[in-house]
Amino acid sequence: MSLAATVLAASEGAHVVNELPIPAVAYGLIVAALFAVMGLVVFSFRDVANRHSEKAEAYAREHGGESQH
């Protein structure tokens, strides 16, 4: 008997069932919720640079650079 036939014969009787702790769809929903939360966090910082434009202009004047508007 060849090695492949021996391995196949040995694996026929061993059927392992690994049950998930929660339904498979729940994993997708959890990941989608985390992705949405992270998106909201990133979205909340969308205008931070413009809140401090006077500081950026003062820094640019002191260091000989141009401000970015």
Foldseek 3Di string as FASTA:
>chain_A
DDPVVVVVVVCPVDDDDDDDPDDPVVVVVVVVVVVVVVVVVVVVCPCVCVVPQVVQCVVCVVVVHHGDD
